[in-house]
Every structure is written in C-alpha cells, then in structure tokens.
Amino acid sequence: MAGISKAYTLPFDYVLFDMSYANVIMYSAVLPSYDPKKKDKKSGEPQKVIKADDPANRDKVREFFETCD
C-alpha cells in the first residue's frame, strides 16, 4: 500500500480505506519493478541497469528506447 501511495502521491489513508481492492491491484500492476535475478528474455543474461541521469549512458538509453516494443 505504501508503494502505491508514494508512486502516485496519494494520501496513505485514501489508499488504505477508500480505494477498492480491484483498483489497488490495477494501480500496482503498472508500477515498474526490477528483479536482479530475472534473466533477459532474448539473451538469457541478467537484467542490466542503465543510469539514465549519467551523460555517459546517453547512447545506451537511446538504444534501449529504440529496441522497446
């Protein structure tokens, strides 16, 4: 519940008492997550983290967005 509250800047009491269970599930389904043990579907290698705020990674970020489906 705290993750939804923080991600969508909603009051914690609103999420806890006023949101339906279905809405909580739908809101949490679209939150991004990172699992370091998860393998990449195409290459079978572990997921890589690209720090987009680092100017040295500009080309990696551009390549990532070009390859997204």
N, C-alpha and C. Protein backbone atom coordinates (compact mmCIF):
# COMPACT_ATOMS: atom_id res chain seq x y z
N MET A 1 0.81 -1.19 0.00
CA MET A 1 0.00 0.00 0.00
C MET A 1 0.86 1.26 0.00
N ALA A 2 1.95 1.23 0.73
CA ALA A 2 2.80 2.41 0.80
C ALA A 2 3.43 2.72 -0.56
N GLY A 3 3.71 1.67 -1.35
CA GLY A 3 4.29 1.88 -2.68
C GLY A 3 3.35 2.63 -3.60
N ILE A 4 2.07 2.28 -3.56
CA ILE A 4 1.07 2.96 -4.37
C ILE A 4 0.93 4.41 -3.91
N SER A 5 0.88 4.59 -2.62
CA SER A 5 0.74 5.93 -2.06
C SER A 5 1.90 6.82 -2.49
N LYS A 6 3.10 6.30 -2.43
CA LYS A 6 4.28 7.08 -2.79
C LYS A 6 4.37 7.29 -4.30
N ALA A 7 4.12 6.26 -5.08
CA ALA A 7 4.26 6.35 -6.54
C ALA A 7 3.27 7.33 -7.15
N TYR A 8 2.05 7.34 -6.65
CA TYR A 8 1.01 8.19 -7.22
C TYR A 8 0.72 9.42 -6.37
N THR A 9 1.53 9.65 -5.36
CA THR A 9 1.37 10.78 -4.42
C THR A 9 -0.06 10.88 -3.90
N LEU A 10 -0.58 9.74 -3.47
CA LEU A 10 -1.91 9.70 -2.87
C LEU A 10 -1.76 9.60 -1.35
N PRO A 11 -2.67 10.17 -0.61
CA PRO A 11 -2.62 10.01 0.86
C PRO A 11 -2.76 8.54 1.24
N PHE A 12 -1.97 8.10 2.20
CA PHE A 12 -1.99 6.71 2.62
C PHE A 12 -3.38 6.28 3.09
N ASP A 13 -4.06 7.15 3.82
CA ASP A 13 -5.41 6.82 4.30
C ASP A 13 -6.38 6.61 3.14
N TYR A 14 -6.22 7.37 2.07
CA TYR A 14 -7.09 7.20 0.90
C TYR A 14 -6.88 5.82 0.28
N VAL A 15 -5.62 5.44 0.11
CA VAL A 15 -5.31 4.14 -0.48
C VAL A 15 -5.82 3.01 0.42
N LEU A 16 -5.64 3.17 1.71
CA LEU A 16 -6.00 2.11 2.65
C LEU A 16 -7.50 1.95 2.84
N PHE A 17 -8.23 3.06 2.91
CA PHE A 17 -9.64 2.98 3.27
C PHE A 17 -10.63 3.27 2.13
N ASP A 18 -10.23 4.03 1.13
CA ASP A 18 -11.18 4.46 0.11
C ASP A 18 -11.03 3.77 -1.25
N MET A 19 -9.89 3.19 -1.54
CA MET A 19 -9.70 2.52 -2.84
C MET A 19 -10.22 1.09 -2.77
N SER A 20 -10.83 0.65 -3.85
CA SER A 20 -11.30 -0.74 -3.90
C SER A 20 -10.10 -1.66 -4.12
N TYR A 21 -10.29 -2.93 -3.79
CA TYR A 21 -9.23 -3.91 -3.97
C TYR A 21 -8.83 -4.03 -5.44
N ALA A 22 -9.81 -3.98 -6.32
CA ALA A 22 -9.54 -4.08 -7.76
C ALA A 22 -8.67 -2.91 -8.22
N ASN A 23 -8.96 -1.71 -7.74
CA ASN A 23 -8.16 -0.55 -8.12
C ASN A 23 -6.75 -0.64 -7.57
N VAL A 24 -6.59 -1.15 -6.37
CA VAL A 24 -5.26 -1.31 -5.80
C VAL A 24 -4.45 -2.28 -6.65
N ILE A 25 -5.06 -3.37 -7.08
CA ILE A 25 -4.38 -4.35 -7.94
C ILE A 25 -3.99 -3.72 -9.27
N MET A 26 -4.90 -2.96 -9.88
CA MET A 26 -4.60 -2.34 -11.17
C MET A 26 -3.53 -1.27 -11.04
N TYR A 27 -3.59 -0.46 -9.99
CA TYR A 27 -2.57 0.56 -9.78
C TYR A 27 -1.20 -0.08 -9.59
N SER A 28 -1.14 -1.14 -8.80
CA SER A 28 0.15 -1.75 -8.51
C SER A 28 0.68 -2.55 -9.69
N ALA A 29 -0.18 -2.97 -10.60
CA ALA A 29 0.26 -3.75 -11.75
C ALA A 29 1.11 -2.93 -12.72
N VAL A 30 0.93 -1.64 -12.76
CA VAL A 30 1.66 -0.81 -13.71
C VAL A 30 2.89 -0.13 -13.10
N LEU A 31 3.15 -0.37 -11.83
CA LEU A 31 4.35 0.18 -11.22
C LEU A 31 5.58 -0.57 -11.74
N PRO A 32 6.62 0.14 -12.15
CA PRO A 32 7.81 -0.55 -12.63
C PRO A 32 8.53 -1.26 -11.49
N SER A 33 9.19 -2.35 -11.81
CA SER A 33 9.94 -3.08 -10.81
C SER A 33 11.23 -3.60 -11.43
N TYR A 34 12.16 -3.97 -10.59
CA TYR A 34 13.43 -4.51 -11.03
C TYR A 34 13.74 -5.74 -10.21
N ASP A 35 14.01 -6.84 -10.87
CA ASP A 35 14.37 -8.08 -10.21
C ASP A 35 15.77 -8.47 -10.69
N PRO A 36 16.80 -8.35 -9.83
CA PRO A 36 18.17 -8.63 -10.28
C PRO A 36 18.39 -10.10 -10.65
N LYS A 37 17.53 -11.00 -10.20
CA LYS A 37 17.69 -12.41 -10.51
C LYS A 37 17.01 -12.79 -11.82
N LYS A 38 16.18 -11.90 -12.35
CA LYS A 38 15.43 -12.17 -13.57
C LYS A 38 16.36 -12.08 -14.78
N LYS A 39 16.19 -12.99 -15.70
CA LYS A 39 17.01 -13.03 -16.91
C LYS A 39 16.30 -12.31 -18.05
N ASP A 40 17.08 -11.76 -18.96
CA ASP A 40 16.54 -11.11 -20.15
C ASP A 40 15.93 -12.18 -21.04
N LYS A 41 14.77 -11.93 -21.60
CA LYS A 41 14.06 -12.92 -22.41
C LYS A 41 14.82 -13.28 -23.69
N LYS A 42 15.45 -12.30 -24.31
CA LYS A 42 16.10 -12.54 -25.60
C LYS A 42 17.49 -13.16 -25.44
N SER A 43 18.32 -12.57 -24.58
CA SER A 43 19.70 -13.03 -24.49
C SER A 43 19.95 -14.03 -23.37
N GLY A 44 19.08 -14.10 -22.38
CA GLY A 44 19.28 -15.01 -21.26
C GLY A 44 20.25 -14.48 -20.22
N GLU A 45 20.73 -13.25 -20.40
CA GLU A 45 21.65 -12.63 -19.45
C GLU A 45 20.86 -11.91 -18.37
N PRO A 46 21.50 -11.65 -17.22
CA PRO A 46 20.80 -10.88 -16.17
C PRO A 46 20.43 -9.48 -16.68
N GLN A 47 19.36 -8.92 -16.11
CA GLN A 47 18.93 -7.57 -16.50
C GLN A 47 20.04 -6.57 -16.18
N LYS A 48 20.18 -5.60 -17.05
CA LYS A 48 21.18 -4.55 -16.84
C LYS A 48 20.49 -3.29 -16.37
N VAL A 49 21.16 -2.55 -15.50
CA VAL A 49 20.65 -1.27 -15.02
C VAL A 49 21.40 -0.17 -15.74
N ILE A 50 20.66 0.72 -16.37
CA ILE A 50 21.26 1.87 -17.06
C ILE A 50 20.87 3.12 -16.29
N LYS A 51 21.85 3.83 -15.80
CA LYS A 51 21.57 5.07 -15.09
C LYS A 51 21.39 6.18 -16.12
N ALA A 52 20.12 6.54 -16.34
CA ALA A 52 19.79 7.48 -17.40
C ALA A 52 20.23 8.91 -17.08
N ASP A 53 20.50 9.22 -15.82
CA ASP A 53 20.92 10.57 -15.47
C ASP A 53 22.41 10.79 -15.70
N ASP A 54 23.15 9.76 -16.09
CA ASP A 54 24.57 9.88 -16.37
C ASP A 54 24.76 10.18 -17.86
N PRO A 55 25.37 11.32 -18.20
CA PRO A 55 25.54 11.66 -19.63
C PRO A 55 26.35 10.62 -20.40
N ALA A 56 27.19 9.85 -19.74
CA ALA A 56 27.98 8.83 -20.43
C ALA A 56 27.10 7.70 -20.96
N ASN A 57 25.90 7.56 -20.43
CA ASN A 57 25.00 6.49 -20.85
C ASN A 57 23.98 6.94 -21.88
N ARG A 58 24.17 8.11 -22.47
CA ARG A 58 23.21 8.66 -23.42
C ARG A 58 22.93 7.70 -24.57
N ASP A 59 23.97 7.10 -25.14
CA ASP A 59 23.77 6.18 -26.27
C ASP A 59 23.07 4.90 -25.83
N LYS A 60 23.36 4.41 -24.63
CA LYS A 60 22.69 3.21 -24.12
C LYS A 60 21.20 3.46 -23.92
N VAL A 61 20.87 4.63 -23.39
CA VAL A 61 19.46 4.98 -23.18
C VAL A 61 18.74 5.10 -24.52
N ARG A 62 19.37 5.75 -25.48
CA ARG A 62 18.77 5.88 -26.80
C ARG A 62 18.56 4.51 -27.45
N GLU A 63 19.55 3.62 -27.33
CA GLU A 63 19.43 2.27 -27.88
C GLU A 63 18.31 1.50 -27.18
N PHE A 64 18.18 1.67 -25.87
CA PHE A 64 17.11 1.00 -25.13
C PHE A 64 15.74 1.39 -25.67
N PHE A 65 15.51 2.69 -25.84
CA PHE A 65 14.21 3.14 -26.33
C PHE A 65 13.95 2.75 -27.77
N GLU A 66 14.98 2.62 -28.57
CA GLU A 66 14.81 2.19 -29.96
C GLU A 66 14.45 0.72 -30.04
N THR A 67 14.88 -0.09 -29.08
CA THR A 67 14.61 -1.53 -29.11
C THR A 67 13.35 -1.93 -28.36
N CYS A 68 12.71 -1.00 -27.66
CA CYS A 68 11.48 -1.32 -26.94
C CYS A 68 10.35 -1.60 -27.93
N ASP A 69 9.54 -2.58 -27.59
CA ASP A 69 8.40 -2.92 -28.46
C ASP A 69 7.21 -2.11 -28.11
